mmCIF file of all heavy atoms, coordinates in Angstrom:
data_MODEL
# 
_entry.id   MODEL 
# 
loop_
_atom_site.group_PDB 
_atom_site.id 
_atom_site.type_symbol 
_atom_site.label_atom_id 
_atom_site.label_alt_id 
_atom_site.label_comp_id 
_atom_site.label_asym_id 
_atom_site.label_entity_id 
_atom_site.label_seq_id 
_atom_site.pdbx_PDB_ins_code 
_atom_site.Cartn_x 
_atom_site.Cartn_y 
_atom_site.Cartn_z 
_atom_site.occupancy 
_atom_site.B_iso_or_equiv 
_atom_site.pdbx_formal_charge 
_atom_site.auth_seq_id 
_atom_site.auth_comp_id 
_atom_site.auth_asym_id 
_atom_site.auth_atom_id 
_atom_site.pdbx_PDB_model_num 
ATOM 1   N N   . TYR A 1 1  ? 121.508 133.318 90.961 1.00 0.00 ? 1  TYR A N   1 
ATOM 2   C CA  . TYR A 1 1  ? 120.179 133.471 90.386 1.00 0.00 ? 1  TYR A CA  1 
ATOM 3   C C   . TYR A 1 1  ? 119.246 132.327 90.754 1.00 0.00 ? 1  TYR A C   1 
ATOM 4   O O   . TYR A 1 1  ? 118.060 132.363 90.401 1.00 0.00 ? 1  TYR A O   1 
ATOM 5   C CB  . TYR A 1 1  ? 120.264 133.594 88.858 1.00 0.00 ? 1  TYR A CB  1 
ATOM 6   C CG  . TYR A 1 1  ? 120.859 132.361 88.205 1.00 0.00 ? 1  TYR A CG  1 
ATOM 7   C CD1 . TYR A 1 1  ? 120.037 131.332 87.768 1.00 0.00 ? 1  TYR A CD1 1 
ATOM 8   C CD2 . TYR A 1 1  ? 122.235 132.214 88.081 1.00 0.00 ? 1  TYR A CD2 1 
ATOM 9   C CE1 . TYR A 1 1  ? 120.575 130.204 87.228 1.00 0.00 ? 1  TYR A CE1 1 
ATOM 10  C CE2 . TYR A 1 1  ? 122.746 131.092 87.528 1.00 0.00 ? 1  TYR A CE2 1 
ATOM 11  C CZ  . TYR A 1 1  ? 121.929 130.070 87.101 1.00 0.00 ? 1  TYR A CZ  1 
ATOM 12  O OH  . TYR A 1 1  ? 122.454 128.934 86.521 1.00 0.00 ? 1  TYR A OH  1 
ATOM 13  N N   . LYS A 1 2  ? 119.742 131.349 91.438 1.00 0.00 ? 2  LYS A N   1 
ATOM 14  C CA  . LYS A 1 2  ? 118.968 130.131 91.687 1.00 0.00 ? 2  LYS A CA  1 
ATOM 15  C C   . LYS A 1 2  ? 117.674 130.404 92.479 1.00 0.00 ? 2  LYS A C   1 
ATOM 16  O O   . LYS A 1 2  ? 116.658 129.774 92.261 1.00 0.00 ? 2  LYS A O   1 
ATOM 17  C CB  . LYS A 1 2  ? 119.802 129.082 92.362 1.00 0.00 ? 2  LYS A CB  1 
ATOM 18  C CG  . LYS A 1 2  ? 120.879 128.503 91.467 1.00 0.00 ? 2  LYS A CG  1 
ATOM 19  C CD  . LYS A 1 2  ? 121.691 127.424 92.149 1.00 0.00 ? 2  LYS A CD  1 
ATOM 20  C CE  . LYS A 1 2  ? 122.741 126.886 91.180 1.00 0.00 ? 2  LYS A CE  1 
ATOM 21  N NZ  . LYS A 1 2  ? 123.520 125.821 91.770 1.00 0.00 ? 2  LYS A NZ  1 
ATOM 22  N N   . ALA A 1 3  ? 117.719 131.307 93.428 1.00 0.00 ? 3  ALA A N   1 
ATOM 23  C CA  . ALA A 1 3  ? 116.530 131.608 94.253 1.00 0.00 ? 3  ALA A CA  1 
ATOM 24  C C   . ALA A 1 3  ? 115.412 132.170 93.354 1.00 0.00 ? 3  ALA A C   1 
ATOM 25  O O   . ALA A 1 3  ? 114.240 131.766 93.461 1.00 0.00 ? 3  ALA A O   1 
ATOM 26  C CB  . ALA A 1 3  ? 116.860 132.624 95.316 1.00 0.00 ? 3  ALA A CB  1 
ATOM 27  N N   . GLU A 1 4  ? 115.763 133.054 92.424 1.00 0.00 ? 4  GLU A N   1 
ATOM 28  C CA  . GLU A 1 4  ? 114.781 133.643 91.525 1.00 0.00 ? 4  GLU A CA  1 
ATOM 29  C C   . GLU A 1 4  ? 114.214 132.585 90.587 1.00 0.00 ? 4  GLU A C   1 
ATOM 30  O O   . GLU A 1 4  ? 112.988 132.578 90.327 1.00 0.00 ? 4  GLU A O   1 
ATOM 31  C CB  . GLU A 1 4  ? 115.395 134.793 90.701 1.00 0.00 ? 4  GLU A CB  1 
ATOM 32  C CG  . GLU A 1 4  ? 115.650 136.042 91.483 1.00 0.00 ? 4  GLU A CG  1 
ATOM 33  C CD  . GLU A 1 4  ? 116.962 136.056 92.238 1.00 0.00 ? 4  GLU A CD  1 
ATOM 34  O OE1 . GLU A 1 4  ? 117.709 135.082 92.177 1.00 0.00 ? 4  GLU A OE1 1 
ATOM 35  O OE2 . GLU A 1 4  ? 117.219 137.068 92.925 1.00 0.00 ? 4  GLU A OE2 1 
ATOM 36  N N   . VAL A 1 5  ? 115.038 131.686 90.123 1.00 0.00 ? 5  VAL A N   1 
ATOM 37  C CA  . VAL A 1 5  ? 114.588 130.623 89.221 1.00 0.00 ? 5  VAL A CA  1 
ATOM 38  C C   . VAL A 1 5  ? 113.646 129.651 89.975 1.00 0.00 ? 5  VAL A C   1 
ATOM 39  O O   . VAL A 1 5  ? 112.636 129.191 89.437 1.00 0.00 ? 5  VAL A O   1 
ATOM 40  C CB  . VAL A 1 5  ? 115.763 129.884 88.567 1.00 0.00 ? 5  VAL A CB  1 
ATOM 41  C CG1 . VAL A 1 5  ? 115.288 128.660 87.798 1.00 0.00 ? 5  VAL A CG1 1 
ATOM 42  C CG2 . VAL A 1 5  ? 116.546 130.830 87.663 1.00 0.00 ? 5  VAL A CG2 1 
ATOM 43  N N   . THR A 1 6  ? 113.982 129.393 91.217 1.00 0.00 ? 6  THR A N   1 
ATOM 44  C CA  . THR A 1 6  ? 113.120 128.509 92.028 1.00 0.00 ? 6  THR A CA  1 
ATOM 45  C C   . THR A 1 6  ? 111.739 129.147 92.222 1.00 0.00 ? 6  THR A C   1 
ATOM 46  O O   . THR A 1 6  ? 110.709 128.462 92.081 1.00 0.00 ? 6  THR A O   1 
ATOM 47  C CB  . THR A 1 6  ? 113.774 128.229 93.407 1.00 0.00 ? 6  THR A CB  1 
ATOM 48  O OG1 . THR A 1 6  ? 115.039 127.653 93.207 1.00 0.00 ? 6  THR A OG1 1 
ATOM 49  C CG2 . THR A 1 6  ? 112.918 127.350 94.241 1.00 0.00 ? 6  THR A CG2 1 
ATOM 50  N N   . VAL A 1 7  ? 111.701 130.449 92.506 1.00 0.00 ? 7  VAL A N   1 
ATOM 51  C CA  . VAL A 1 7  ? 110.429 131.134 92.679 1.00 0.00 ? 7  VAL A CA  1 
ATOM 52  C C   . VAL A 1 7  ? 109.666 131.104 91.359 1.00 0.00 ? 7  VAL A C   1 
ATOM 53  O O   . VAL A 1 7  ? 108.453 130.833 91.331 1.00 0.00 ? 7  VAL A O   1 
ATOM 54  C CB  . VAL A 1 7  ? 110.655 132.605 93.126 1.00 0.00 ? 7  VAL A CB  1 
ATOM 55  C CG1 . VAL A 1 7  ? 109.376 133.408 93.056 1.00 0.00 ? 7  VAL A CG1 1 
ATOM 56  C CG2 . VAL A 1 7  ? 111.234 132.646 94.531 1.00 0.00 ? 7  VAL A CG2 1 
ATOM 57  N N   . LEU A 1 8  ? 110.342 131.339 90.246 1.00 0.00 ? 8  LEU A N   1 
ATOM 58  C CA  . LEU A 1 8  ? 109.696 131.277 88.945 1.00 0.00 ? 8  LEU A CA  1 
ATOM 59  C C   . LEU A 1 8  ? 109.116 129.920 88.648 1.00 0.00 ? 8  LEU A C   1 
ATOM 60  O O   . LEU A 1 8  ? 107.963 129.810 88.186 1.00 0.00 ? 8  LEU A O   1 
ATOM 61  C CB  . LEU A 1 8  ? 110.714 131.693 87.826 1.00 0.00 ? 8  LEU A CB  1 
ATOM 62  C CG  . LEU A 1 8  ? 110.171 131.677 86.413 1.00 0.00 ? 8  LEU A CG  1 
ATOM 63  C CD1 . LEU A 1 8  ? 109.060 132.698 86.242 1.00 0.00 ? 8  LEU A CD1 1 
ATOM 64  C CD2 . LEU A 1 8  ? 111.312 131.959 85.431 1.00 0.00 ? 8  LEU A CD2 1 
ATOM 65  N N   . ASN A 1 9  ? 109.863 128.874 88.932 1.00 0.00 ? 9  ASN A N   1 
ATOM 66  C CA  . ASN A 1 9  ? 109.353 127.527 88.721 1.00 0.00 ? 9  ASN A CA  1 
ATOM 67  C C   . ASN A 1 9  ? 108.137 127.230 89.604 1.00 0.00 ? 9  ASN A C   1 
ATOM 68  O O   . ASN A 1 9  ? 107.195 126.570 89.134 1.00 0.00 ? 9  ASN A O   1 
ATOM 69  C CB  . ASN A 1 9  ? 110.450 126.480 88.963 1.00 0.00 ? 9  ASN A CB  1 
ATOM 70  C CG  . ASN A 1 9  ? 111.464 126.469 87.854 1.00 0.00 ? 9  ASN A CG  1 
ATOM 71  O OD1 . ASN A 1 9  ? 111.198 126.862 86.740 1.00 0.00 ? 9  ASN A OD1 1 
ATOM 72  N ND2 . ASN A 1 9  ? 112.709 126.052 88.178 1.00 0.00 ? 9  ASN A ND2 1 
ATOM 73  N N   . ASP A 1 10 ? 108.158 127.686 90.841 1.00 0.00 ? 10 ASP A N   1 
ATOM 74  C CA  . ASP A 1 10 ? 107.016 127.498 91.739 1.00 0.00 ? 10 ASP A CA  1 
ATOM 75  C C   . ASP A 1 10 ? 105.775 128.208 91.186 1.00 0.00 ? 10 ASP A C   1 
ATOM 76  O O   . ASP A 1 10 ? 104.671 127.653 91.200 1.00 0.00 ? 10 ASP A O   1 
ATOM 77  C CB  . ASP A 1 10 ? 107.322 127.990 93.153 1.00 0.00 ? 10 ASP A CB  1 
ATOM 78  C CG  . ASP A 1 10 ? 108.332 127.108 93.865 1.00 0.00 ? 10 ASP A CG  1 
ATOM 79  O OD1 . ASP A 1 10 ? 108.552 125.945 93.440 1.00 0.00 ? 10 ASP A OD1 1 
ATOM 80  O OD2 . ASP A 1 10 ? 108.901 127.584 94.875 1.00 0.00 ? 10 ASP A OD2 1 
ATOM 81  N N   . LEU A 1 11 ? 105.976 129.418 90.699 1.00 0.00 ? 11 LEU A N   1 
ATOM 82  C CA  . LEU A 1 11 ? 104.872 130.183 90.136 1.00 0.00 ? 11 LEU A CA  1 
ATOM 83  C C   . LEU A 1 11 ? 104.300 129.459 88.897 1.00 0.00 ? 11 LEU A C   1 
ATOM 84  O O   . LEU A 1 11 ? 103.055 129.389 88.701 1.00 0.00 ? 11 LEU A O   1 
ATOM 85  C CB  . LEU A 1 11 ? 105.312 131.580 89.748 1.00 0.00 ? 11 LEU A CB  1 
ATOM 86  C CG  . LEU A 1 11 ? 105.547 132.559 90.903 1.00 0.00 ? 11 LEU A CG  1 
ATOM 87  C CD1 . LEU A 1 11 ? 106.195 133.844 90.380 1.00 0.00 ? 11 LEU A CD1 1 
ATOM 88  C CD2 . LEU A 1 11 ? 104.255 132.877 91.621 1.00 0.00 ? 11 LEU A CD2 1 
ATOM 89  N N   . LYS A 1 12 ? 105.187 128.913 88.068 1.00 0.00 ? 12 LYS A N   1 
ATOM 90  C CA  . LYS A 1 12 ? 104.702 128.236 86.873 1.00 0.00 ? 12 LYS A CA  1 
ATOM 91  C C   . LYS A 1 12 ? 103.958 126.929 87.262 1.00 0.00 ? 12 LYS A C   1 
ATOM 92  O O   . LYS A 1 12 ? 102.988 126.574 86.592 1.00 0.00 ? 12 LYS A O   1 
ATOM 93  C CB  . LYS A 1 12 ? 105.872 127.912 85.945 1.00 0.00 ? 12 LYS A CB  1 
ATOM 94  C CG  . LYS A 1 12 ? 106.396 129.146 85.244 1.00 0.00 ? 12 LYS A CG  1 
ATOM 95  C CD  . LYS A 1 12 ? 107.473 128.817 84.224 1.00 0.00 ? 12 LYS A CD  1 
ATOM 96  C CE  . LYS A 1 12 ? 107.881 130.055 83.454 1.00 0.00 ? 12 LYS A CE  1 
ATOM 97  N NZ  . LYS A 1 12 ? 108.852 129.749 82.413 1.00 0.00 ? 12 LYS A NZ  1 
ATOM 98  N N   . ARG A 1 13 ? 104.418 126.259 88.301 1.00 0.00 ? 13 ARG A N   1 
ATOM 99  C CA  . ARG A 1 13 ? 103.696 125.072 88.776 1.00 0.00 ? 13 ARG A CA  1 
ATOM 100 C C   . ARG A 1 13 ? 102.307 125.424 89.299 1.00 0.00 ? 13 ARG A C   1 
ATOM 101 O O   . ARG A 1 13 ? 101.319 124.757 88.987 1.00 0.00 ? 13 ARG A O   1 
ATOM 102 C CB  . ARG A 1 13 ? 104.493 124.382 89.875 1.00 0.00 ? 13 ARG A CB  1 
ATOM 103 C CG  . ARG A 1 13 ? 105.057 123.036 89.456 1.00 0.00 ? 13 ARG A CG  1 
ATOM 104 C CD  . ARG A 1 13 ? 105.769 122.301 90.561 1.00 0.00 ? 13 ARG A CD  1 
ATOM 105 N NE  . ARG A 1 13 ? 107.200 122.350 90.291 1.00 0.00 ? 13 ARG A NE  1 
ATOM 106 C CZ  . ARG A 1 13 ? 108.114 123.051 90.950 1.00 0.00 ? 13 ARG A CZ  1 
ATOM 107 N NH1 . ARG A 1 13 ? 107.789 123.754 91.996 1.00 0.00 ? 13 ARG A NH1 1 
ATOM 108 N NH2 . ARG A 1 13 ? 109.359 123.067 90.600 1.00 0.00 ? 13 ARG A NH2 1 
ATOM 109 N N   . LYS A 1 14 ? 102.234 126.523 90.038 1.00 0.00 ? 14 LYS A N   1 
ATOM 110 C CA  . LYS A 1 14 ? 100.957 126.991 90.550 1.00 0.00 ? 14 LYS A CA  1 
ATOM 111 C C   . LYS A 1 14 ? 100.010 127.341 89.378 1.00 0.00 ? 14 LYS A C   1 
ATOM 112 O O   . LYS A 1 14 ? 98.826  127.016 89.404 1.00 0.00 ? 14 LYS A O   1 
ATOM 113 C CB  . LYS A 1 14 ? 101.100 128.213 91.449 1.00 0.00 ? 14 LYS A CB  1 
ATOM 114 C CG  . LYS A 1 14 ? 101.659 127.888 92.815 1.00 0.00 ? 14 LYS A CG  1 
ATOM 115 C CD  . LYS A 1 14 ? 101.805 129.153 93.637 1.00 0.00 ? 14 LYS A CD  1 
ATOM 116 C CE  . LYS A 1 14 ? 102.516 128.902 94.934 1.00 0.00 ? 14 LYS A CE  1 
ATOM 117 N NZ  . LYS A 1 14 ? 102.714 130.130 95.715 1.00 0.00 ? 14 LYS A NZ  1 
ATOM 118 N N   . ARG A 1 15 ? 100.579 128.015 88.368 1.00 0.00 ? 15 ARG A N   1 
ATOM 119 C CA  . ARG A 1 15 ? 99.772  128.386 87.202 1.00 0.00 ? 15 ARG A CA  1 
ATOM 120 C C   . ARG A 1 15 ? 99.226  127.138 86.506 1.00 0.00 ? 15 ARG A C   1 
ATOM 121 O O   . ARG A 1 15 ? 98.077  127.078 86.110 1.00 0.00 ? 15 ARG A O   1 
ATOM 122 C CB  . ARG A 1 15 ? 100.581 129.232 86.231 1.00 0.00 ? 15 ARG A CB  1 
ATOM 123 C CG  . ARG A 1 15 ? 99.805  129.649 84.995 1.00 0.00 ? 15 ARG A CG  1 
ATOM 124 C CD  . ARG A 1 15 ? 100.583 130.521 84.060 1.00 0.00 ? 15 ARG A CD  1 
ATOM 125 N NE  . ARG A 1 15 ? 101.707 129.804 83.521 1.00 0.00 ? 15 ARG A NE  1 
ATOM 126 C CZ  . ARG A 1 15 ? 102.630 130.327 82.707 1.00 0.00 ? 15 ARG A CZ  1 
ATOM 127 N NH1 . ARG A 1 15 ? 102.521 131.617 82.355 1.00 0.00 ? 15 ARG A NH1 1 
ATOM 128 N NH2 . ARG A 1 15 ? 103.597 129.603 82.243 1.00 0.00 ? 15 ARG A NH2 1 
ATOM 129 N N   . LYS A 1 16 ? 100.078 126.117 86.385 1.00 0.00 ? 16 LYS A N   1 
ATOM 130 C CA  . LYS A 1 16 ? 99.634  124.874 85.741 1.00 0.00 ? 16 LYS A CA  1 
ATOM 131 C C   . LYS A 1 16 ? 98.520  124.233 86.554 1.00 0.00 ? 16 LYS A C   1 
ATOM 132 O O   . LYS A 1 16 ? 97.492  123.775 85.983 1.00 0.00 ? 16 LYS A O   1 
ATOM 133 C CB  . LYS A 1 16 ? 100.817 123.885 85.632 1.00 0.00 ? 16 LYS A CB  1 
ATOM 134 C CG  . LYS A 1 16 ? 100.462 122.581 84.988 1.00 0.00 ? 16 LYS A CG  1 
ATOM 135 C CD  . LYS A 1 16 ? 101.618 121.638 84.988 1.00 0.00 ? 16 LYS A CD  1 
ATOM 136 C CE  . LYS A 1 16 ? 101.184 120.269 84.497 1.00 0.00 ? 16 LYS A CE  1 
ATOM 137 N NZ  . LYS A 1 16 ? 102.142 119.221 84.775 1.00 0.00 ? 16 LYS A NZ  1 
ATOM 138 N N   . ASP A 1 17 ? 98.633  124.220 87.878 1.00 0.00 ? 17 ASP A N   1 
ATOM 139 C CA  . ASP A 1 17 ? 97.588  123.662 88.737 1.00 0.00 ? 17 ASP A CA  1 
ATOM 140 C C   . ASP A 1 17 ? 96.283  124.420 88.594 1.00 0.00 ? 17 ASP A C   1 
ATOM 141 O O   . ASP A 1 17 ? 95.201  123.833 88.516 1.00 0.00 ? 17 ASP A O   1 
ATOM 142 C CB  . ASP A 1 17 ? 98.016  123.667 90.197 1.00 0.00 ? 17 ASP A CB  1 
ATOM 143 C CG  . ASP A 1 17 ? 99.152  122.681 90.470 1.00 0.00 ? 17 ASP A CG  1 
ATOM 144 O OD1 . ASP A 1 17 ? 99.370  121.756 89.623 1.00 0.00 ? 17 ASP A OD1 1 
ATOM 145 O OD2 . ASP A 1 17 ? 99.801  122.798 91.535 1.00 0.00 ? 17 ASP A OD2 1 
ATOM 146 N N   . VAL A 1 18 ? 96.367  125.751 88.561 1.00 0.00 ? 18 VAL A N   1 
ATOM 147 C CA  . VAL A 1 18 ? 95.185  126.587 88.421 1.00 0.00 ? 18 VAL A CA  1 
ATOM 148 C C   . VAL A 1 18 ? 94.520  126.335 87.053 1.00 0.00 ? 18 VAL A C   1 
ATOM 149 O O   . VAL A 1 18 ? 93.306  126.262 86.946 1.00 0.00 ? 18 VAL A O   1 
ATOM 150 C CB  . VAL A 1 18 ? 95.489  128.074 88.637 1.00 0.00 ? 18 VAL A CB  1 
ATOM 151 C CG1 . VAL A 1 18 ? 94.337  128.958 88.259 1.00 0.00 ? 18 VAL A CG1 1 
ATOM 152 C CG2 . VAL A 1 18 ? 95.895  128.318 90.085 1.00 0.00 ? 18 VAL A CG2 1 
ATOM 153 N N   . LYS A 1 19 ? 95.325  126.205 86.026 1.00 0.00 ? 19 LYS A N   1 
ATOM 154 C CA  . LYS A 1 19 ? 94.764  125.906 84.674 1.00 0.00 ? 19 LYS A CA  1 
ATOM 155 C C   . LYS A 1 19 ? 94.047  124.578 84.681 1.00 0.00 ? 19 LYS A C   1 
ATOM 156 O O   . LYS A 1 19 ? 92.964  124.465 84.077 1.00 0.00 ? 19 LYS A O   1 
ATOM 157 C CB  . LYS A 1 19 ? 95.891  125.914 83.655 1.00 0.00 ? 19 LYS A CB  1 
ATOM 158 C CG  . LYS A 1 19 ? 96.331  127.279 83.189 1.00 0.00 ? 19 LYS A CG  1 
ATOM 159 C CD  . LYS A 1 19 ? 97.376  127.152 82.105 1.00 0.00 ? 19 LYS A CD  1 
ATOM 160 C CE  . LYS A 1 19 ? 97.829  128.487 81.586 1.00 0.00 ? 19 LYS A CE  1 
ATOM 161 N NZ  . LYS A 1 19 ? 98.822  128.374 80.508 1.00 0.00 ? 19 LYS A NZ  1 
ATOM 162 N N   . GLU A 1 20 ? 94.624  123.594 85.333 1.00 0.00 ? 20 GLU A N   1 
ATOM 163 C CA  . GLU A 1 20 ? 93.958  122.296 85.430 1.00 0.00 ? 20 GLU A CA  1 
ATOM 164 C C   . GLU A 1 20 ? 92.651  122.377 86.191 1.00 0.00 ? 20 GLU A C   1 
ATOM 165 O O   . GLU A 1 20 ? 91.626  121.793 85.796 1.00 0.00 ? 20 GLU A O   1 
ATOM 166 C CB  . GLU A 1 20 ? 94.870  121.259 86.077 1.00 0.00 ? 20 GLU A CB  1 
ATOM 167 C CG  . GLU A 1 20 ? 96.040  120.860 85.194 1.00 0.00 ? 20 GLU A CG  1 
ATOM 168 C CD  . GLU A 1 20 ? 97.028  119.960 85.887 1.00 0.00 ? 20 GLU A CD  1 
ATOM 169 O OE1 . GLU A 1 20 ? 96.876  119.694 87.122 1.00 0.00 ? 20 GLU A OE1 1 
ATOM 170 O OE2 . GLU A 1 20 ? 97.988  119.523 85.224 1.00 0.00 ? 20 GLU A OE2 1 
ATOM 171 N N   . GLN A 1 21 ? 92.647  123.105 87.295 1.00 0.00 ? 21 GLN A N   1 
ATOM 172 C CA  . GLN A 1 21 ? 91.417  123.306 88.069 1.00 0.00 ? 21 GLN A CA  1 
ATOM 173 C C   . GLN A 1 21 ? 90.348  124.034 87.263 1.00 0.00 ? 21 GLN A C   1 
ATOM 174 O O   . GLN A 1 21 ? 89.164  123.692 87.278 1.00 0.00 ? 21 GLN A O   1 
ATOM 175 C CB  . GLN A 1 21 ? 91.729  124.089 89.352 1.00 0.00 ? 21 GLN A CB  1 
ATOM 176 C CG  . GLN A 1 21 ? 92.536  123.347 90.358 1.00 0.00 ? 21 GLN A CG  1 
ATOM 177 C CD  . GLN A 1 21 ? 92.913  124.201 91.549 1.00 0.00 ? 21 GLN A CD  1 
ATOM 178 O OE1 . GLN A 1 21 ? 92.558  125.375 91.639 1.00 0.00 ? 21 GLN A OE1 1 
ATOM 179 N NE2 . GLN A 1 21 ? 93.664  123.626 92.465 1.00 0.00 ? 21 GLN A NE2 1 
ATOM 180 N N   . LEU A 1 22 ? 90.791  125.041 86.506 1.00 0.00 ? 22 LEU A N   1 
ATOM 181 C CA  . LEU A 1 22 ? 89.914  125.802 85.660 1.00 0.00 ? 22 LEU A CA  1 
ATOM 182 C C   . LEU A 1 22 ? 89.256  124.918 84.606 1.00 0.00 ? 22 LEU A C   1 
ATOM 183 O O   . LEU A 1 22 ? 88.057  124.983 84.358 1.00 0.00 ? 22 LEU A O   1 
ATOM 184 C CB  . LEU A 1 22 ? 90.660  126.969 85.021 1.00 0.00 ? 22 LEU A CB  1 
ATOM 185 C CG  . LEU A 1 22 ? 89.898  128.114 84.407 1.00 0.00 ? 22 LEU A CG  1 
ATOM 186 C CD1 . LEU A 1 22 ? 89.000  128.789 85.435 1.00 0.00 ? 22 LEU A CD1 1 
ATOM 187 C CD2 . LEU A 1 22 ? 90.870  129.143 83.845 1.00 0.00 ? 22 LEU A CD2 1 
ATOM 188 N N   . LEU A 1 23 ? 90.053  124.094 83.992 1.00 0.00 ? 23 LEU A N   1 
ATOM 189 C CA  . LEU A 1 23 ? 89.557  123.170 82.996 1.00 0.00 ? 23 LEU A CA  1 
ATOM 190 C C   . LEU A 1 23 ? 88.572  122.184 83.606 1.00 0.00 ? 23 LEU A C   1 
ATOM 191 O O   . LEU A 1 23 ? 87.525  121.895 83.003 1.00 0.00 ? 23 LEU A O   1 
ATOM 192 C CB  . LEU A 1 23 ? 90.737  122.389 82.352 1.00 0.00 ? 23 LEU A CB  1 
ATOM 193 C CG  . LEU A 1 23 ? 90.367  121.414 81.234 1.00 0.00 ? 23 LEU A CG  1 
ATOM 194 C CD1 . LEU A 1 23 ? 89.730  122.143 80.062 1.00 0.00 ? 23 LEU A CD1 1 
ATOM 195 C CD2 . LEU A 1 23 ? 91.608  120.663 80.770 1.00 0.00 ? 23 LEU A CD2 1 
ATOM 196 N N   . LEU A 1 24 ? 88.901  121.682 84.772 1.00 0.00 ? 24 LEU A N   1 
ATOM 197 C CA  . LEU A 1 24 ? 87.992  120.748 85.477 1.00 0.00 ? 24 LEU A CA  1 
ATOM 198 C C   . LEU A 1 24 ? 86.622  121.411 85.776 1.00 0.00 ? 24 LEU A C   1 
ATOM 199 O O   . LEU A 1 24 ? 85.578  120.801 85.546 1.00 0.00 ? 24 LEU A O   1 
ATOM 200 C CB  . LEU A 1 24 ? 88.635  120.249 86.749 1.00 0.00 ? 24 LEU A CB  1 
ATOM 201 C CG  . LEU A 1 24 ? 87.828  119.297 87.609 1.00 0.00 ? 24 LEU A CG  1 
ATOM 202 C CD1 . LEU A 1 24 ? 87.579  117.988 86.838 1.00 0.00 ? 24 LEU A CD1 1 
ATOM 203 C CD2 . LEU A 1 24 ? 88.522  119.018 88.925 1.00 0.00 ? 24 LEU A CD2 1 
ATOM 204 N N   . VAL A 1 25 ? 86.649  122.627 86.271 1.00 0.00 ? 25 VAL A N   1 
ATOM 205 C CA  . VAL A 1 25 ? 85.403  123.322 86.591 1.00 0.00 ? 25 VAL A CA  1 
ATOM 206 C C   . VAL A 1 25 ? 84.628  123.618 85.330 1.00 0.00 ? 25 VAL A C   1 
ATOM 207 O O   . VAL A 1 25 ? 83.392  123.428 85.294 1.00 0.00 ? 25 VAL A O   1 
ATOM 208 C CB  . VAL A 1 25 ? 85.697  124.633 87.387 1.00 0.00 ? 25 VAL A CB  1 
ATOM 209 C CG1 . VAL A 1 25 ? 84.434  125.455 87.542 1.00 0.00 ? 25 VAL A CG1 1 
ATOM 210 C CG2 . VAL A 1 25 ? 86.277  124.306 88.734 1.00 0.00 ? 25 VAL A CG2 1 
ATOM 211 N N   . LYS A 1 26 ? 85.287  124.026 84.271 1.00 0.00 ? 26 LYS A N   1 
ATOM 212 C CA  . LYS A 1 26 ? 84.587  124.280 82.965 1.00 0.00 ? 26 LYS A CA  1 
ATOM 213 C C   . LYS A 1 26 ? 83.955  122.995 82.452 1.00 0.00 ? 26 LYS A C   1 
ATOM 214 O O   . LYS A 1 26 ? 82.826  123.048 81.977 1.00 0.00 ? 26 LYS A O   1 
ATOM 215 C CB  . LYS A 1 26 ? 85.549  124.879 81.939 1.00 0.00 ? 26 LYS A CB  1 
ATOM 216 C CG  . LYS A 1 26 ? 85.879  126.326 82.181 1.00 0.00 ? 26 LYS A CG  1 
ATOM 217 C CD  . LYS A 1 26 ? 86.795  126.851 81.139 1.00 0.00 ? 26 LYS A CD  1 
ATOM 218 C CE  . LYS A 1 26 ? 87.105  128.330 81.368 1.00 0.00 ? 26 LYS A CE  1 
ATOM 219 N NZ  . LYS A 1 26 ? 88.027  128.887 80.342 1.00 0.00 ? 26 LYS A NZ  1 
ATOM 220 N N   . THR A 1 27 ? 84.670  121.929 82.557 1.00 0.00 ? 27 THR A N   1 
ATOM 221 C CA  . THR A 1 27 ? 84.158  120.634 82.081 1.00 0.00 ? 27 THR A CA  1 
ATOM 222 C C   . THR A 1 27 ? 82.944  120.210 82.945 1.00 0.00 ? 27 THR A C   1 
ATOM 223 O O   . THR A 1 27 ? 81.941  119.742 82.410 1.00 0.00 ? 27 THR A O   1 
ATOM 224 C CB  . THR A 1 27 ? 85.235  119.538 82.162 1.00 0.00 ? 27 THR A CB  1 
ATOM 225 O OG1 . THR A 1 27 ? 86.371  119.957 81.409 1.00 0.00 ? 27 THR A OG1 1 
ATOM 226 C CG2 . THR A 1 27 ? 84.737  118.224 81.641 1.00 0.00 ? 27 THR A CG2 1 
# 
């Protein structure tokens, strides 16, 4: 299952980055 978990972690990292960018633009 490690490949799926790695993909999931990458997606969550991307989501975190996008949330930070969104917050920066809103600010």
